[in-house]
Amino acid sequence: MFENYRRVLRTAKRPTKEEFKRSTLLVGLGMLAVGAMGLVINLLFQLVGL
């Protein structure tokens, strides 16, 4: 079991600053999109009265 973890850690590399910035931006945009969809759904349910 630990051999698998060791193998993954040996092949993994740290992201560059550009990769990290891009990943952070995409995760943030995804969170905003999911939050906006939740807000729209909540408002629709309030309008319908459920």
PDB file of N, CA and C in Angstrom:
ATOM      1  N   MET A   1       0.829  -1.190   0.000  1.00  0.00           N
ATOM      2  CA  MET A   1       0.000   0.000   0.000  1.00  0.00           C
ATOM      3  C   MET A   1       0.876   1.257   0.000  1.00  0.00           C
ATOM      4  N   PHE A   2       1.874   1.300   0.889  1.00  0.00           N
ATOM      5  CA  PHE A   2       2.735   2.473   0.959  1.00  0.00           C
ATOM      6  C   PHE A   2       3.626   2.612  -0.262  1.00  0.00           C
ATOM      7  N   GLU A   3       3.870   1.494  -0.958  1.00  0.00           N
ATOM      8  CA  GLU A   3       4.677   1.566  -2.168  1.00  0.00           C
ATOM      9  C   GLU A   3       3.977   2.399  -3.233  1.00  0.00           C
ATOM     10  N   ASN A   4       2.651   2.276  -3.306  1.00  0.00           N
ATOM     11  CA  ASN A   4       1.882   3.072  -4.276  1.00  0.00           C
ATOM     12  C   ASN A   4       1.992   4.560  -3.963  1.00  0.00           C
ATOM     13  N   TYR A   5       1.879   4.907  -2.675  1.00  0.00           N
ATOM     14  CA  TYR A   5       1.989   6.312  -2.288  1.00  0.00           C
ATOM     15  C   TYR A   5       3.379   6.846  -2.600  1.00  0.00           C
ATOM     16  N   ARG A   6       4.390   6.050  -2.315  1.00  0.00           N
ATOM     17  CA  ARG A   6       5.769   6.465  -2.563  1.00  0.00           C
ATOM     18  C   ARG A   6       5.998   6.678  -4.059  1.00  0.00           C
ATOM     19  N   ARG A   7       5.441   5.804  -4.879  1.00  0.00           N
ATOM     20  CA  ARG A   7       5.601   5.928  -6.331  1.00  0.00           C
ATOM     21  C   ARG A   7       4.934   7.205  -6.834  1.00  0.00           C
ATOM     22  N   VAL A   8       3.750   7.491  -6.335  1.00  0.00           N
ATOM     23  CA  VAL A   8       3.050   8.711  -6.750  1.00  0.00           C
ATOM     24  C   VAL A   8       3.828   9.948  -6.324  1.00  0.00           C
ATOM     25  N   LEU A   9       4.324   9.957  -5.095  1.00  0.00           N
ATOM     26  CA  LEU A   9       5.075  11.115  -4.623  1.00  0.00           C
ATOM     27  C   LEU A   9       6.380  11.309  -5.384  1.00  0.00           C
ATOM     28  N   ARG A  10       6.989  10.222  -5.836  1.00  0.00           N
ATOM     29  CA  ARG A  10       8.225  10.350  -6.614  1.00  0.00           C
ATOM     30  C   ARG A  10       7.956  10.947  -7.987  1.00  0.00           C
ATOM     31  N   THR A  11       6.812  10.622  -8.594  1.00  0.00           N
ATOM     32  CA  THR A  11       6.529  11.119  -9.948  1.00  0.00           C
ATOM     33  C   THR A  11       5.826  12.471  -9.944  1.00  0.00           C
ATOM     34  N   ALA A  12       5.264  12.869  -8.798  1.00  0.00           N
ATOM     35  CA  ALA A  12       4.543  14.143  -8.731  1.00  0.00           C
ATOM     36  C   ALA A  12       5.530  15.305  -8.730  1.00  0.00           C
ATOM     37  N   LYS A  13       5.069  16.442  -9.263  1.00  0.00           N
ATOM     38  CA  LYS A  13       5.907  17.638  -9.241  1.00  0.00           C
ATOM     39  C   LYS A  13       5.053  18.811  -8.782  1.00  0.00           C
ATOM     40  N   ARG A  14       5.720  19.816  -8.265  1.00  0.00           N
ATOM     41  CA  ARG A  14       5.004  21.006  -7.822  1.00  0.00           C
ATOM     42  C   ARG A  14       4.539  21.788  -9.047  1.00  0.00           C
ATOM     43  N   PRO A  15       3.366  22.387  -8.971  1.00  0.00           N
ATOM     44  CA  PRO A  15       2.910  23.200 -10.108  1.00  0.00           C
ATOM     45  C   PRO A  15       3.716  24.497 -10.192  1.00  0.00           C
ATOM     46  N   THR A  16       3.846  24.999 -11.399  1.00  0.00           N
ATOM     47  CA  THR A  16       4.479  26.305 -11.563  1.00  0.00           C
ATOM     48  C   THR A  16       3.503  27.378 -11.083  1.00  0.00           C
ATOM     49  N   LYS A  17       3.993  28.595 -10.945  1.00  0.00           N
ATOM     50  CA  LYS A  17       3.114  29.683 -10.491  1.00  0.00           C
ATOM     51  C   LYS A  17       1.962  29.892 -11.466  1.00  0.00           C
ATOM     52  N   GLU A  18       2.255  29.769 -12.755  1.00  0.00           N
ATOM     53  CA  GLU A  18       1.210  29.956 -13.771  1.00  0.00           C
ATOM     54  C   GLU A  18       0.147  28.861 -13.665  1.00  0.00           C
ATOM     55  N   GLU A  19       0.577  27.619 -13.482  1.00  0.00           N
ATOM     56  CA  GLU A  19      -0.384  26.513 -13.327  1.00  0.00           C
ATOM     57  C   GLU A  19      -1.231  26.707 -12.070  1.00  0.00           C
ATOM     58  N   PHE A  20      -0.591  27.148 -10.996  1.00  0.00           N
ATOM     59  CA  PHE A  20      -1.320  27.366  -9.744  1.00  0.00           C
ATOM     60  C   PHE A  20      -2.345  28.487  -9.890  1.00  0.00           C
ATOM     61  N   LYS A  21      -1.947  29.576 -10.539  1.00  0.00           N
ATOM     62  CA  LYS A  21      -2.883  30.697 -10.751  1.00  0.00           C
ATOM     63  C   LYS A  21      -4.070  30.257 -11.592  1.00  0.00           C
ATOM     64  N   ARG A  22      -3.800  29.493 -12.660  1.00  0.00           N
ATOM     65  CA  ARG A  22      -4.873  29.046 -13.545  1.00  0.00           C
ATOM     66  C   ARG A  22      -5.823  28.102 -12.803  1.00  0.00           C
ATOM     67  N   SER A  23      -5.275  27.184 -12.011  1.00  0.00           N
ATOM     68  CA  SER A  23      -6.110  26.252 -11.250  1.00  0.00           C
ATOM     69  C   SER A  23      -6.970  26.999 -10.245  1.00  0.00           C
ATOM     70  N   THR A  24      -6.359  27.974  -9.561  1.00  0.00           N
ATOM     71  CA  THR A  24      -7.101  28.757  -8.578  1.00  0.00           C
ATOM     72  C   THR A  24      -8.234  29.533  -9.242  1.00  0.00           C
ATOM     73  N   LEU A  25      -7.957  30.116 -10.383  1.00  0.00           N
ATOM     74  CA  LEU A  25      -8.981  30.865 -11.109  1.00  0.00           C
ATOM     75  C   LEU A  25     -10.132  29.954 -11.525  1.00  0.00           C
ATOM     76  N   LEU A  26      -9.809  28.778 -12.064  1.00  0.00           N
ATOM     77  CA  LEU A  26     -10.860  27.870 -12.520  1.00  0.00           C
ATOM     78  C   LEU A  26     -11.702  27.346 -11.358  1.00  0.00           C
ATOM     79  N   VAL A  27     -11.062  27.043 -10.242  1.00  0.00           N
ATOM     80  CA  VAL A  27     -11.815  26.577  -9.075  1.00  0.00           C
ATOM     81  C   VAL A  27     -12.719  27.689  -8.556  1.00  0.00           C
ATOM     82  N   GLY A  28     -12.196  28.906  -8.522  1.00  0.00           N
ATOM     83  CA  GLY A  28     -13.014  30.042  -8.078  1.00  0.00           C
ATOM     84  C   GLY A  28     -14.204  30.288  -8.983  1.00  0.00           C
ATOM     85  N   LEU A  29     -13.974  30.210 -10.290  1.00  0.00           N
ATOM     86  CA  LEU A  29     -15.091  30.396 -11.230  1.00  0.00           C
ATOM     87  C   LEU A  29     -16.127  29.282 -11.086  1.00  0.00           C
ATOM     88  N   GLY A  30     -15.656  28.059 -10.856  1.00  0.00           N
ATOM     89  CA  GLY A  30     -16.588  26.952 -10.644  1.00  0.00           C
ATOM     90  C   GLY A  30     -17.425  27.158  -9.399  1.00  0.00           C
ATOM     91  N   MET A  31     -16.794  27.632  -8.326  1.00  0.00           N
ATOM     92  CA  MET A  31     -17.534  27.887  -7.090  1.00  0.00           C
ATOM     93  C   MET A  31     -18.571  28.988  -7.295  1.00  0.00           C
ATOM     94  N   LEU A  32     -18.187  30.035  -8.015  1.00  0.00           N
ATOM     95  CA  LEU A  32     -19.142  31.107  -8.303  1.00  0.00           C
ATOM     96  C   LEU A  32     -20.310  30.606  -9.144  1.00  0.00           C
ATOM     97  N   ALA A  33     -20.030  29.757 -10.117  1.00  0.00           N
ATOM     98  CA  ALA A  33     -21.091  29.229 -10.975  1.00  0.00           C
ATOM     99  C   ALA A  33     -22.063  28.371 -10.175  1.00  0.00           C
ATOM    100  N   VAL A  34     -21.536  27.510  -9.320  1.00  0.00           N
ATOM    101  CA  VAL A  34     -22.409  26.654  -8.510  1.00  0.00           C
ATOM    102  C   VAL A  34     -23.223  27.503  -7.535  1.00  0.00           C
ATOM    103  N   GLY A  35     -22.595  28.507  -6.936  1.00  0.00           N
ATOM    104  CA  GLY A  35     -23.319  29.398  -6.029  1.00  0.00           C
ATOM    105  C   GLY A  35     -24.408  30.175  -6.742  1.00  0.00           C
ATOM    106  N   ALA A  36     -24.117  30.654  -7.948  1.00  0.00           N
ATOM    107  CA  ALA A  36     -25.115  31.406  -8.713  1.00  0.00           C
ATOM    108  C   ALA A  36     -26.291  30.507  -9.093  1.00  0.00           C
ATOM    109  N   MET A  37     -25.997  29.261  -9.473  1.00  0.00           N
ATOM    110  CA  MET A  37     -27.092  28.339  -9.807  1.00  0.00           C
ATOM    111  C   MET A  37     -27.953  28.070  -8.574  1.00  0.00           C
ATOM    112  N   GLY A  38     -27.323  27.905  -7.416  1.00  0.00           N
ATOM    113  CA  GLY A  38     -28.078  27.697  -6.181  1.00  0.00           C
ATOM    114  C   GLY A  38     -28.950  28.891  -5.849  1.00  0.00           C
ATOM    115  N   LEU A  39     -28.407  30.096  -6.058  1.00  0.00           N
ATOM    116  CA  LEU A  39     -29.178  31.305  -5.796  1.00  0.00           C
ATOM    117  C   LEU A  39     -30.388  31.398  -6.728  1.00  0.00           C
ATOM    118  N   VAL A  40     -30.187  31.126  -8.008  1.00  0.00           N
ATOM    119  CA  VAL A  40     -31.293  31.185  -8.973  1.00  0.00           C
ATOM    120  C   VAL A  40     -32.360  30.154  -8.614  1.00  0.00           C
ATOM    121  N   ILE A  41     -31.946  28.948  -8.277  1.00  0.00           N
ATOM    122  CA  ILE A  41     -32.911  27.908  -7.907  1.00  0.00           C
ATOM    123  C   ILE A  41     -33.675  28.317  -6.657  1.00  0.00           C
ATOM    124  N   ASN A  42     -32.962  28.873  -5.674  1.00  0.00           N
ATOM    125  CA  ASN A  42     -33.626  29.307  -4.448  1.00  0.00           C
ATOM    126  C   ASN A  42     -34.642  30.409  -4.744  1.00  0.00           C
ATOM    127  N   LEU A  43     -34.259  31.371  -5.569  1.00  0.00           N
ATOM    128  CA  LEU A  43     -35.196  32.444  -5.915  1.00  0.00           C
ATOM    129  C   LEU A  43     -36.408  31.910  -6.666  1.00  0.00           C
ATOM    130  N   LEU A  44     -36.203  30.955  -7.566  1.00  0.00           N
ATOM    131  CA  LEU A  44     -37.336  30.369  -8.295  1.00  0.00           C
ATOM    132  C   LEU A  44     -38.289  29.654  -7.334  1.00  0.00           C
ATOM    133  N   PHE A  45     -37.749  28.912  -6.381  1.00  0.00           N
ATOM    134  CA  PHE A  45     -38.601  28.230  -5.426  1.00  0.00           C
ATOM    135  C   PHE A  45     -39.354  29.228  -4.557  1.00  0.00           C
ATOM    136  N   GLN A  46     -38.728  30.329  -4.209  1.00  0.00           N
ATOM    137  CA  GLN A  46     -39.416  31.352  -3.407  1.00  0.00           C
ATOM    138  C   GLN A  46     -40.542  31.999  -4.219  1.00  0.00           C
ATOM    139  N   LEU A  47     -40.311  32.216  -5.502  1.00  0.00           N
ATOM    140  CA  LEU A  47     -41.342  32.814  -6.340  1.00  0.00           C
ATOM    141  C   LEU A  47     -42.534  31.878  -6.520  1.00  0.00           C
ATOM    142  N   VAL A  48     -42.248  30.590  -6.665  1.00  0.00           N
ATOM    143  CA  VAL A  48     -43.309  29.617  -6.863  1.00  0.00           C
ATOM    144  C   VAL A  48     -44.024  29.337  -5.548  1.00  0.00           C
ATOM    145  N   GLY A  49     -43.302  29.477  -4.440  1.00  0.00           N
ATOM    146  CA  GLY A  49     -43.924  29.282  -3.136  1.00  0.00           C
ATOM    147  C   GLY A  49     -43.744  27.889  -2.579  1.00  0.00           C
ATOM    148  N   LEU A  50     -42.696  27.195  -2.972  1.00  0.00           N
ATOM    149  CA  LEU A  50     -42.439  25.856  -2.425  1.00  0.00           C
ATOM    150  C   LEU A  50     -41.555  25.907  -1.225  1.00  0.00           C
TER     151      LEU A  50
END
